C-alpha atoms as a PDB file:
ATOM      1  CA  MET A   1      -3.502  18.195 -16.343  1.00  0.00           C
ATOM      2  CA  GLU A   2      -5.836  15.771 -18.148  1.00  0.00           C
ATOM      3  CA  ASP A   3      -3.632  12.886 -17.024  1.00  0.00           C
ATOM      4  CA  THR A   4      -4.021  13.898 -13.360  1.00  0.00           C
ATOM      5  CA  ILE A   5      -6.599  11.630 -11.746  1.00  0.00           C
ATOM      6  CA  VAL A   6      -6.315  12.937  -8.169  1.00  0.00           C
ATOM      7  CA  TYR A   7      -5.211  16.378  -7.025  1.00  0.00           C
ATOM      8  CA  ALA A   8      -5.071  16.897  -3.255  1.00  0.00           C
ATOM      9  CA  HIS A   9      -3.736  20.198  -1.914  1.00  0.00           C
ATOM     10  CA  LYS A  10      -2.991  20.862   1.762  1.00  0.00           C
ATOM     11  CA  LEU A  11      -5.749  18.593   3.026  1.00  0.00           C
ATOM     12  CA  SER A  12      -6.543  18.735   6.731  1.00  0.00           C
ATOM     13  CA  LYS A  13      -9.350  17.117   8.691  1.00  0.00           C
ATOM     14  CA  THR A  14     -10.195  17.752  12.335  1.00  0.00           C
ATOM     15  CA  PHE A  15     -12.560  15.672  14.464  1.00  0.00           C
ATOM     16  CA  LYS A  16     -13.561  17.258  17.785  1.00  0.00           C
ATOM     17  CA  GLN A  17     -10.337  19.283  17.996  1.00  0.00           C
ATOM     18  CA  LYS A  18      -8.206  16.264  17.037  1.00  0.00           C
ATOM     19  CA  GLU A  19      -6.386  16.661  13.726  1.00  0.00           C
ATOM     20  CA  ALA A  20      -6.578  13.313  11.909  1.00  0.00           C
ATOM     21  CA  VAL A  21      -4.967  14.613   8.700  1.00  0.00           C
ATOM     22  CA  ARG A  22      -2.654  17.600   8.567  1.00  0.00           C
ATOM     23  CA  ASN A  23      -1.581  19.508   5.472  1.00  0.00           C
ATOM     24  CA  VAL A  24      -1.356  16.510   3.127  1.00  0.00           C
ATOM     25  CA  SER A  25      -0.742  17.180  -0.574  1.00  0.00           C
ATOM     26  CA  PHE A  26      -0.256  14.777  -3.468  1.00  0.00           C
ATOM     27  CA  SER A  27      -1.365  14.077  -7.015  1.00  0.00           C
ATOM     28  CA  ILE A  28      -1.876  10.785  -8.827  1.00  0.00           C
ATOM     29  CA  ALA A  29      -1.404  10.422 -12.567  1.00  0.00           C
ATOM     30  CA  LYS A  30      -3.341   8.174 -14.916  1.00  0.00           C
ATOM     31  CA  GLY A  31      -2.184   4.571 -14.721  1.00  0.00           C
ATOM     32  CA  GLU A  32      -0.280   4.889 -11.448  1.00  0.00           C
ATOM     33  CA  VAL A  33      -0.482   2.223  -8.754  1.00  0.00           C
ATOM     34  CA  VAL A  34       0.011   3.999  -5.432  1.00  0.00           C
ATOM     35  CA  ALA A  35       0.163   2.575  -1.913  1.00  0.00           C
ATOM     36  CA  MET A  36      -0.803   4.749   1.031  1.00  0.00           C
ATOM     37  CA  LEU A  37       1.235   3.166   3.769  1.00  0.00           C
ATOM     38  CA  GLY A  38       1.187   3.673   7.508  1.00  0.00           C
ATOM     39  CA  PRO A  39       0.336   2.099  10.852  1.00  0.00           C
ATOM     40  CA  ASN A  40      -3.163   2.052  12.298  1.00  0.00           C
ATOM     41  CA  GLY A  41      -4.198   5.604  13.158  1.00  0.00           C
ATOM     42  CA  ALA A  42      -1.859   7.207  10.613  1.00  0.00           C
ATOM     43  CA  GLY A  43      -4.740   8.898   8.761  1.00  0.00           C
ATOM     44  CA  LYS A  44      -4.982   6.589   5.755  1.00  0.00           C
ATOM     45  CA  THR A  45      -8.736   5.935   5.888  1.00  0.00           C
ATOM     46  CA  THR A  46      -9.497   9.605   6.576  1.00  0.00           C
ATOM     47  CA  THR A  47      -7.359  10.682   3.616  1.00  0.00           C
ATOM     48  CA  LEU A  48      -9.068   8.193   1.299  1.00  0.00           C
ATOM     49  CA  SER A  49     -12.469   9.371   2.558  1.00  0.00           C
ATOM     50  CA  LEU A  50     -11.502  12.950   1.670  1.00  0.00           C
ATOM     51  CA  VAL A  51     -10.420  11.847  -1.817  1.00  0.00           C
ATOM     52  CA  LEU A  52     -13.734  10.015  -2.289  1.00  0.00           C
ATOM     53  CA  GLY A  53     -15.824  12.925  -1.044  1.00  0.00           C
ATOM     54  CA  LEU A  54     -17.154  10.892   1.885  1.00  0.00           C
ATOM     55  CA  LEU A  55     -15.721  13.524   4.226  1.00  0.00           C
ATOM     56  CA  LYS A  56     -15.403  17.259   3.720  1.00  0.00           C
ATOM     57  CA  PRO A  57     -11.929  18.658   4.425  1.00  0.00           C
ATOM     58  CA  THR A  58     -11.552  21.134   7.273  1.00  0.00           C
ATOM     59  CA  LYS A  59      -8.935  22.833   5.117  1.00  0.00           C
ATOM     60  CA  GLY A  60      -7.572  22.228   1.654  1.00  0.00           C
ATOM     61  CA  LYS A  61      -8.894  21.074  -1.675  1.00  0.00           C
ATOM     62  CA  VAL A  62      -9.307  17.786  -3.533  1.00  0.00           C
ATOM     63  CA  GLN A  63     -10.334  17.058  -7.123  1.00  0.00           C
ATOM     64  CA  VAL A  64     -10.798  13.773  -8.956  1.00  0.00           C
ATOM     65  CA  PHE A  65     -10.867  13.836 -12.776  1.00  0.00           C
ATOM     66  CA  GLN A  66     -10.623  17.663 -12.420  1.00  0.00           C
ATOM     67  CA  GLN A  67     -13.974  17.781 -10.601  1.00  0.00           C
ATOM     68  CA  PRO A  68     -15.263  17.671  -7.013  1.00  0.00           C
ATOM     69  CA  PRO A  69     -15.271  14.030  -5.855  1.00  0.00           C
ATOM     70  CA  GLN A  70     -19.014  14.159  -5.088  1.00  0.00           C
ATOM     71  CA  SER A  71     -19.971  14.787  -8.729  1.00  0.00           C
ATOM     72  CA  MET A  72     -21.895  12.105 -10.636  1.00  0.00           C
ATOM     73  CA  HIS A  73     -19.270  12.103 -13.403  1.00  0.00           C
ATOM     74  CA  VAL A  74     -16.620  11.152 -10.863  1.00  0.00           C
ATOM     75  CA  ARG A  75     -18.717   8.519  -9.115  1.00  0.00           C
ATOM     76  CA  GLU A  76     -19.400   6.748 -12.410  1.00  0.00           C
ATOM     77  CA  ARG A  77     -15.662   6.319 -12.980  1.00  0.00           C
ATOM     78  CA  ILE A  78     -14.581   5.193  -9.498  1.00  0.00           C
ATOM     79  CA  GLY A  79     -14.642   1.749  -7.910  1.00  0.00           C
ATOM     80  CA  VAL A  80     -14.384   1.663  -4.125  1.00  0.00           C
ATOM     81  CA  MET A  81     -13.669  -1.136  -1.661  1.00  0.00           C
ATOM     82  CA  LEU A  82     -13.850   0.023   1.949  1.00  0.00           C
ATOM     83  CA  GLN A  83     -12.985  -1.908   5.102  1.00  0.00           C
ATOM     84  CA  GLU A  84     -16.581  -2.130   6.262  1.00  0.00           C
ATOM     85  CA  VAL A  85     -18.587  -4.550   4.127  1.00  0.00           C
ATOM     86  CA  ARG A  86     -22.279  -3.726   3.800  1.00  0.00           C
ATOM     87  CA  MET A  87     -24.579  -6.127   2.038  1.00  0.00           C
ATOM     88  CA  MET A  88     -28.164  -5.920   0.805  1.00  0.00           C
ATOM     89  CA  ASP A  89     -29.788  -8.636   2.894  1.00  0.00           C
ATOM     90  CA  GLY A  90     -32.446 -10.700   1.163  1.00  0.00           C
ATOM     91  CA  LEU A  91     -30.732 -10.674  -2.224  1.00  0.00           C
ATOM     92  CA  LYS A  92     -28.683 -13.485  -3.691  1.00  0.00           C
ATOM     93  CA  THR A  93     -25.136 -12.547  -4.623  1.00  0.00           C
ATOM     94  CA  LYS A  94     -25.813 -12.631  -8.367  1.00  0.00           C
ATOM     95  CA  GLU A  95     -28.903 -10.441  -7.922  1.00  0.00           C
ATOM     96  CA  MET A  96     -26.914  -7.875  -5.956  1.00  0.00           C
ATOM     97  CA  LEU A  97     -24.130  -7.766  -8.532  1.00  0.00           C
ATOM     98  CA  GLN A  98     -26.651  -7.277 -11.350  1.00  0.00           C
ATOM     99  CA  LEU A  99     -28.273  -4.478  -9.361  1.00  0.00           C
ATOM    100  CA  PHE A 100     -24.979  -2.639  -8.928  1.00  0.00           C
ATOM    101  CA  ARG A 101     -24.136  -3.117 -12.609  1.00  0.00           C
ATOM    102  CA  SER A 102     -27.413  -1.375 -13.482  1.00  0.00           C
ATOM    103  CA  TYR A 103     -26.194   1.811 -11.775  1.00  0.00           C
ATOM    104  CA  TYR A 104     -23.449   2.387 -14.361  1.00  0.00           C
ATOM    105  CA  PRO A 105     -23.619   3.417 -18.042  1.00  0.00           C
ATOM    106  CA  ASN A 106     -20.877   0.980 -19.134  1.00  0.00           C
ATOM    107  CA  PRO A 107     -20.708  -1.819 -16.567  1.00  0.00           C
ATOM    108  CA  LEU A 108     -18.219  -4.643 -16.512  1.00  0.00           C
ATOM    109  CA  ALA A 109     -19.602  -7.931 -17.812  1.00  0.00           C
ATOM    110  CA  LEU A 110     -20.891 -10.119 -15.012  1.00  0.00           C
ATOM    111  CA  SER A 111     -18.765 -13.033 -16.230  1.00  0.00           C
ATOM    112  CA  GLU A 112     -15.639 -10.895 -15.961  1.00  0.00           C
ATOM    113  CA  MET A 113     -16.559  -9.691 -12.477  1.00  0.00           C
ATOM    114  CA  ILE A 114     -16.860 -13.316 -11.403  1.00  0.00           C
ATOM    115  CA  ALA A 115     -13.601 -14.348 -13.080  1.00  0.00           C
ATOM    116  CA  LEU A 116     -11.604 -11.458 -11.612  1.00  0.00           C
ATOM    117  CA  THR A 117     -12.837 -11.921  -8.065  1.00  0.00           C
ATOM    118  CA  GLY A 118     -12.885 -15.712  -7.887  1.00  0.00           C
ATOM    119  CA  LEU A 119     -16.530 -16.048  -6.901  1.00  0.00           C
ATOM    120  CA  ALA A 120     -17.803 -19.625  -7.108  1.00  0.00           C
ATOM    121  CA  ASN A 121     -21.150 -20.686  -8.583  1.00  0.00           C
ATOM    122  CA  ALA A 122     -22.322 -21.572  -5.083  1.00  0.00           C
ATOM    123  CA  ASP A 123     -21.520 -18.025  -3.928  1.00  0.00           C
ATOM    124  CA  LEU A 124     -23.713 -16.535  -6.660  1.00  0.00           C
ATOM    125  CA  THR A 125     -26.811 -18.412  -5.552  1.00  0.00           C
ATOM    126  CA  THR A 126     -26.302 -17.778  -1.826  1.00  0.00           C
ATOM    127  CA  LYS A 127     -28.134 -14.973  -0.063  1.00  0.00           C
ATOM    128  CA  VAL A 128     -25.602 -12.324   0.871  1.00  0.00           C
ATOM    129  CA  GLU A 129     -26.354 -12.382   4.595  1.00  0.00           C
ATOM    130  CA  LYS A 130     -25.291 -16.045   4.681  1.00  0.00           C
ATOM    131  CA  LEU A 131     -21.877 -15.488   3.120  1.00  0.00           C
ATOM    132  CA  SER A 132     -18.704 -16.059   5.131  1.00  0.00           C
ATOM    133  CA  GLY A 133     -16.282 -13.228   5.835  1.00  0.00           C
ATOM    134  CA  GLY A 134     -13.994 -14.230   2.978  1.00  0.00           C
ATOM    135  CA  GLN A 135     -16.903 -14.561   0.555  1.00  0.00           C
ATOM    136  CA  ARG A 136     -18.177 -11.130   1.575  1.00  0.00           C
ATOM    137  CA  ARG A 137     -14.785  -9.604   0.804  1.00  0.00           C
ATOM    138  CA  ARG A 138     -14.848 -11.144  -2.692  1.00  0.00           C
ATOM    139  CA  VAL A 139     -18.384  -9.840  -3.277  1.00  0.00           C
ATOM    140  CA  ASN A 140     -17.320  -6.412  -2.058  1.00  0.00           C
ATOM    141  CA  PHE A 141     -14.453  -6.482  -4.549  1.00  0.00           C
ATOM    142  CA  ALA A 142     -16.843  -7.503  -7.337  1.00  0.00           C
ATOM    143  CA  VAL A 143     -19.105  -4.549  -6.478  1.00  0.00           C
ATOM    144  CA  CYS A 144     -16.029  -2.300  -6.633  1.00  0.00           C
ATOM    145  CA  LEU A 145     -15.457  -3.440 -10.236  1.00  0.00           C
ATOM    146  CA  ALA A 146     -19.116  -3.314 -11.324  1.00  0.00           C
ATOM    147  CA  GLY A 147     -18.793  -0.065 -13.265  1.00  0.00           C
ATOM    148  CA  ASP A 148     -15.516  -1.025 -14.993  1.00  0.00           C
ATOM    149  CA  PRO A 149     -13.880   1.899 -13.148  1.00  0.00           C
ATOM    150  CA  ASP A 150     -10.957   3.948 -14.394  1.00  0.00           C
ATOM    151  CA  PHE A 151      -9.883   4.715 -10.816  1.00  0.00           C
ATOM    152  CA  ILE A 152      -9.936   2.045  -8.102  1.00  0.00           C
ATOM    153  CA  VAL A 153      -9.670   2.935  -4.400  1.00  0.00           C
ATOM    154  CA  LEU A 154      -9.073   0.166  -1.858  1.00  0.00           C
ATOM    155  CA  ASP A 155      -8.941   0.715   1.902  1.00  0.00           C
ATOM    156  CA  GLU A 156      -6.993  -2.072   3.657  1.00  0.00           C
ATOM    157  CA  PRO A 157      -8.395  -4.500   1.049  1.00  0.00           C
ATOM    158  CA  THR A 158      -6.806  -7.683   2.388  1.00  0.00           C
ATOM    159  CA  ALA A 159      -7.785  -7.192   6.024  1.00  0.00           C
ATOM    160  CA  GLY A 160      -9.226 -10.482   7.225  1.00  0.00           C
ATOM    161  CA  MET A 161      -8.060 -12.463   4.178  1.00  0.00           C
ATOM    162  CA  ASP A 162      -6.019 -15.626   4.506  1.00  0.00           C
ATOM    163  CA  THR A 163      -2.687 -15.967   2.715  1.00  0.00           C
ATOM    164  CA  THR A 164      -4.115 -17.751  -0.341  1.00  0.00           C
ATOM    165  CA  SER A 165      -6.838 -15.138  -0.790  1.00  0.00           C
ATOM    166  CA  ARG A 166      -4.294 -12.330  -0.511  1.00  0.00           C
ATOM    167  CA  VAL A 167      -2.111 -13.825  -3.229  1.00  0.00           C
ATOM    168  CA  LYS A 168      -5.105 -14.192  -5.574  1.00  0.00           C
ATOM    169  CA  PHE A 169      -6.321 -10.680  -4.785  1.00  0.00           C
ATOM    170  CA  TRP A 170      -3.007  -9.001  -5.599  1.00  0.00           C
ATOM    171  CA  LYS A 171      -2.677 -11.059  -8.768  1.00  0.00           C
ATOM    172  CA  THR A 172      -5.978  -9.530  -9.887  1.00  0.00           C
ATOM    173  CA  ILE A 173      -4.768  -6.045  -8.955  1.00  0.00           C
ATOM    174  CA  HIS A 174      -1.703  -6.588 -11.156  1.00  0.00           C
ATOM    175  CA  GLN A 175      -4.016  -7.608 -14.019  1.00  0.00           C
ATOM    176  CA  LEU A 176      -6.090  -4.457 -13.570  1.00  0.00           C
ATOM    177  CA  ALA A 177      -2.945  -2.326 -13.484  1.00  0.00           C
ATOM    178  CA  GLU A 178      -1.830  -3.889 -16.771  1.00  0.00           C
ATOM    179  CA  ARG A 179      -5.127  -2.699 -18.276  1.00  0.00           C
ATOM    180  CA  GLY A 180      -4.180   0.871 -17.404  1.00  0.00           C
ATOM    181  CA  LYS A 181      -6.372   1.291 -14.342  1.00  0.00           C
ATOM    182  CA  THR A 182      -5.299   3.895 -11.796  1.00  0.00           C
ATOM    183  CA  ILE A 183      -5.157   2.290  -8.362  1.00  0.00           C
ATOM    184  CA  LEU A 184      -4.809   3.784  -4.884  1.00  0.00           C
ATOM    185  CA  PHE A 185      -4.774   1.435  -1.923  1.00  0.00           C
ATOM    186  CA  SER A 186      -4.048   1.797   1.762  1.00  0.00           C
ATOM    187  CA  THR A 187      -2.267  -0.841   3.769  1.00  0.00           C
ATOM    188  CA  HIS A 188      -0.173  -1.348   6.868  1.00  0.00           C
ATOM    189  CA  TYR A 189       1.355  -4.467   5.320  1.00  0.00           C
ATOM    190  CA  LEU A 190       4.745  -3.260   4.175  1.00  0.00           C
ATOM    191  CA  GLN A 191       5.315  -6.224   1.882  1.00  0.00           C
ATOM    192  CA  GLU A 192       2.064  -5.546  -0.015  1.00  0.00           C
ATOM    193  CA  ALA A 193       3.198  -2.021  -0.802  1.00  0.00           C
ATOM    194  CA  ASP A 194       6.625  -3.237  -1.842  1.00  0.00           C
ATOM    195  CA  ASP A 195       5.283  -6.012  -4.081  1.00  0.00           C
ATOM    196  CA  THR A 196       2.416  -4.134  -5.735  1.00  0.00           C
ATOM    197  CA  ALA A 197       2.876  -0.364  -5.799  1.00  0.00           C
ATOM    198  CA  LYS A 198       5.166   1.632  -8.056  1.00  0.00           C
ATOM    199  CA  ARG A 199       4.902   4.554  -5.653  1.00  0.00           C
ATOM    200  CA  ILE A 200       4.422   4.903  -1.907  1.00  0.00           C
ATOM    201  CA  ILE A 201       2.876   7.728   0.101  1.00  0.00           C
ATOM    202  CA  LEU A 202       3.850   7.203   3.730  1.00  0.00           C
ATOM    203  CA  LEU A 203       1.642   8.686   6.447  1.00  0.00           C
ATOM    204  CA  HIS A 204       2.444   8.986  10.131  1.00  0.00           C
ATOM    205  CA  GLN A 205       0.228  10.716  12.703  1.00  0.00           C
ATOM    206  CA  GLY A 206      -1.796  12.370   9.952  1.00  0.00           C
ATOM    207  CA  GLN A 207       1.170  13.790   8.070  1.00  0.00           C
ATOM    208  CA  LYS A 208       2.866  12.788   4.839  1.00  0.00           C
ATOM    209  CA  ILE A 209       6.456  11.930   5.683  1.00  0.00           C
ATOM    210  CA  ALA A 210       7.540  10.405   2.364  1.00  0.00           C
ATOM    211  CA  ASP A 211       6.290  10.198  -1.223  1.00  0.00           C
ATOM    212  CA  GLY A 212       8.196   8.587  -4.048  1.00  0.00           C
ATOM    213  CA  ALA A 213       8.859   5.594  -6.249  1.00  0.00           C
ATOM    214  CA  THR A 214       9.065   2.422  -4.192  1.00  0.00           C
ATOM    215  CA  GLU A 215      12.555   1.518  -5.366  1.00  0.00           C
ATOM    216  CA  GLU A 216      13.725   5.118  -4.961  1.00  0.00           C
ATOM    217  CA  ILE A 217      12.653   5.230  -1.325  1.00  0.00           C
ATOM    218  CA  LYS A 218      14.274   1.874  -0.654  1.00  0.00           C
ATOM    219  CA  HIS A 219      17.477   2.895  -2.423  1.00  0.00           C
ATOM    220  CA  GLN A 220      17.802   6.200  -0.578  1.00  0.00           C
ATOM    221  CA  LEU A 221      16.721   5.153   2.862  1.00  0.00           C
ATOM    222  CA  SER A 222      16.807   1.397   3.292  1.00  0.00           C
ATOM    223  CA  ARG A 223      19.492  -0.122   5.395  1.00  0.00           C
ATOM    224  CA  GLN A 224      22.150  -2.233   3.717  1.00  0.00           C
ATOM    225  CA  TYR A 225      24.161  -4.934   5.377  1.00  0.00           C
ATOM    226  CA  VAL A 226      27.353  -6.801   4.702  1.00  0.00           C
ATOM    227  CA  SER A 227      27.246 -10.157   6.435  1.00  0.00           C
ATOM    228  CA  PHE A 228      29.803 -12.911   6.759  1.00  0.00           C
ATOM    229  CA  ARG A 229      30.819 -15.971   8.747  1.00  0.00           C
ATOM    230  CA  LEU A 230      33.990 -16.131  10.789  1.00  0.00           C
ATOM    231  CA  ASN A 231      36.403 -18.869  11.822  1.00  0.00           C
ATOM    232  CA  GLY A 232      37.051 -17.866  15.411  1.00  0.00           C
ATOM    233  CA  LYS A 233      35.829 -15.058  17.652  1.00  0.00           C
ATOM    234  CA  LEU A 234      34.937 -11.577  16.378  1.00  0.00           C
ATOM    235  CA  ASN A 235      37.200  -8.714  17.441  1.00  0.00           C
ATOM    236  CA  ARG A 236      34.695  -5.845  17.494  1.00  0.00           C
ATOM    237  CA  ALA A 237      37.418  -3.248  17.989  1.00  0.00           C
ATOM    238  CA  LYS A 238      38.590  -3.885  14.426  1.00  0.00           C
ATOM    239  CA  LEU A 239      35.131  -2.833  13.179  1.00  0.00           C
ATOM    240  CA  ASN A 240      35.253   0.583  14.827  1.00  0.00           C
ATOM    241  CA  VAL A 241      35.414   2.323  11.438  1.00  0.00           C
ATOM    242  CA  PRO A 242      33.145   4.965   9.801  1.00  0.00           C
ATOM    243  CA  ASP A 243      31.637   2.561   7.251  1.00  0.00           C
ATOM    244  CA  VAL A 244      30.163   0.365  10.013  1.00  0.00           C
ATOM    245  CA  LEU A 245      26.958   1.867  11.414  1.00  0.00           C
ATOM    246  CA  ALA A 246      25.878  -1.086  13.549  1.00  0.00           C
ATOM    247  CA  ILE A 247      26.986  -4.631  14.379  1.00  0.00           C
ATOM    248  CA  GLU A 248      24.758  -7.611  15.037  1.00  0.00           C
ATOM    249  CA  GLU A 249      25.587 -11.287  15.525  1.00  0.00           C
ATOM    250  CA  ARG A 250      22.886 -13.879  14.907  1.00  0.00           C
ATOM    251  CA  GLU A 251      22.631 -17.421  13.574  1.00  0.00           C
ATOM    252  CA  GLU A 252      26.438 -17.724  13.336  1.00  0.00           C
ATOM    253  CA  ARG A 253      26.695 -14.695  11.027  1.00  0.00           C
ATOM    254  CA  ILE A 254      27.940 -11.162  11.622  1.00  0.00           C
ATOM    255  CA  TYR A 255      25.747  -8.420  10.143  1.00  0.00           C
ATOM    256  CA  LEU A 256      27.238  -4.965   9.587  1.00  0.00           C
ATOM    257  CA  GLU A 257      24.932  -2.085   8.713  1.00  0.00           C
ATOM    258  CA  THR A 258      26.526   0.271   6.211  1.00  0.00           C
ATOM    259  CA  LYS A 259      25.917   2.866   3.516  1.00  0.00           C
ATOM    260  CA  ASN A 260      28.980   1.815   1.521  1.00  0.00           C
ATOM    261  CA  THR A 261      28.976  -1.916   0.876  1.00  0.00           C
ATOM    262  CA  ASP A 262      31.902  -1.881  -1.567  1.00  0.00           C
ATOM    263  CA  ALA A 263      34.263  -0.106   0.825  1.00  0.00           C
ATOM    264  CA  LEU A 264      33.232  -2.311   3.732  1.00  0.00           C
ATOM    265  CA  ILE A 265      33.734  -5.556   1.806  1.00  0.00           C
ATOM    266  CA  SER A 266      37.206  -4.387   0.799  1.00  0.00           C
ATOM    267  CA  TYR A 267      38.000  -3.560   4.438  1.00  0.00           C
ATOM    268  CA  ILE A 268      36.807  -6.963   5.673  1.00  0.00           C
ATOM    269  CA  MET A 269      38.866  -8.822   3.083  1.00  0.00           C
ATOM    270  CA  GLN A 270      41.971  -6.880   4.124  1.00  0.00           C
ATOM    271  CA  HIS A 271      41.559  -7.115   7.902  1.00  0.00           C
ATOM    272  CA  PHE A 272      39.670 -10.390   8.493  1.00  0.00           C
ATOM    273  CA  SER A 273      41.589 -13.235   6.900  1.00  0.00           C
ATOM    274  CA  ASN A 274      39.344 -15.718   8.722  1.00  0.00           C
ATOM    275  CA  ALA A 275      36.121 -14.298   7.184  1.00  0.00           C
ATOM    276  CA  TYR A 276      34.193 -16.308   4.617  1.00  0.00           C
ATOM    277  CA  ASP A 277      30.771 -16.482   2.932  1.00  0.00           C
ATOM    278  CA  LEU A 278      30.480 -12.702   2.464  1.00  0.00           C
ATOM    279  CA  ARG A 279      27.068 -11.444   1.436  1.00  0.00           C
ATOM    280  CA  ILE A 280      25.268  -8.162   0.784  1.00  0.00           C
ATOM    281  CA  ASP A 281      21.761  -7.968   2.250  1.00  0.00           C
ATOM    282  CA  LYS A 282      19.439  -5.089   1.432  1.00  0.00           C
ATOM    283  CA  GLY A 283      17.016  -3.834   4.021  1.00  0.00           C
ATOM    284  CA  SER A 284      13.315  -4.620   3.778  1.00  0.00           C
ATOM    285  CA  MET A 285      10.382  -2.219   3.612  1.00  0.00           C
ATOM    286  CA  ASP A 286      10.141  -2.642   7.393  1.00  0.00           C
ATOM    287  CA  ASP A 287      13.571  -1.022   7.640  1.00  0.00           C
ATOM    288  CA  VAL A 288      12.498   1.835   5.368  1.00  0.00           C
ATOM    289  CA  PHE A 289       9.363   2.454   7.404  1.00  0.00           C
ATOM    290  CA  GLU A 290      11.280   2.491  10.688  1.00  0.00           C
ATOM    291  CA  THR A 291      13.911   4.854   9.279  1.00  0.00           C
ATOM    292  CA  LEU A 292      11.374   7.310   7.858  1.00  0.00           C
ATOM    293  CA  VAL A 293       9.246   7.416  10.993  1.00  0.00           C
ATOM    294  CA  GLN A 294      12.331   7.936  13.146  1.00  0.00           C
ATOM    295  CA  GLY A 295      13.436  10.769  10.869  1.00  0.00           C
ATOM    296  CA  SER A 296      10.009  12.380  11.115  1.00  0.00           C
ATOM    297  CA  ARG A 297      10.124  12.266  14.927  1.00  0.00           C
ATOM    298  CA  GLU A 298      13.574  13.834  14.981  1.00  0.00           C
ATOM    299  CA  ASN A 299      12.338  16.710  12.790  1.00  0.00           C
ATOM    300  CA  GLU A 300       9.308  17.488  14.980  1.00  0.00           C
END
């Protein structure tokens, strides 16, 4: 139990008779990097707010470090980066970072905060209200790290970032994960979850519809394709076999969706002597997301 950083049990949250989160349970162990994935309106921000103690659950229970999330002990060990960036107007960036460091018993060195977040010397001497959107996101990230937190919570952290900034940001997250930090982040960017998280919690319409290791979810539920080129015209009737789930022709290739690539390749080699350039293509996280959401709708 000591290695459990977050324990959430049957969390529900209702706003004016609308249930934003319904019966969501999960736990996060020390050192895990977990993505909370879902489209806008799935309940990600509400769930994170419940974990952080910013909202009180209508039903259910949540603990962080075996304590209520509002406790001072918990707050000293958490770093938070929310979507909305609030600054302390009138202060220079360096002054604000020093102020936030003073709130913690064992703060991260200022030099390390700057190195991890990519703040430039010019940023440090600029008053915070004059910072650009991208600069404000970096400062917000630096504030998140001020207390050298054991548990880092990030709500849509790359929203508004350009491609270069995103790459740098996730490189830093990988560095923090290597230090043993526990990280929970929400995103609707499927590729971010795939590239960064070891585990995915998928939310849809306020409910948890999947929870597991990233590769496990992809292996179990992602679509797989056998694709090939053909000399001549495709006879679709010859592909009316159980191992072919769907057929698509694009960019001079034929794509066959299947759950048994080995059997399908053998079939193609036997029945399509004019086939060449055979290839196995695994589905992306977009395919996984679509499959899981569709399955959830069918079970409702």
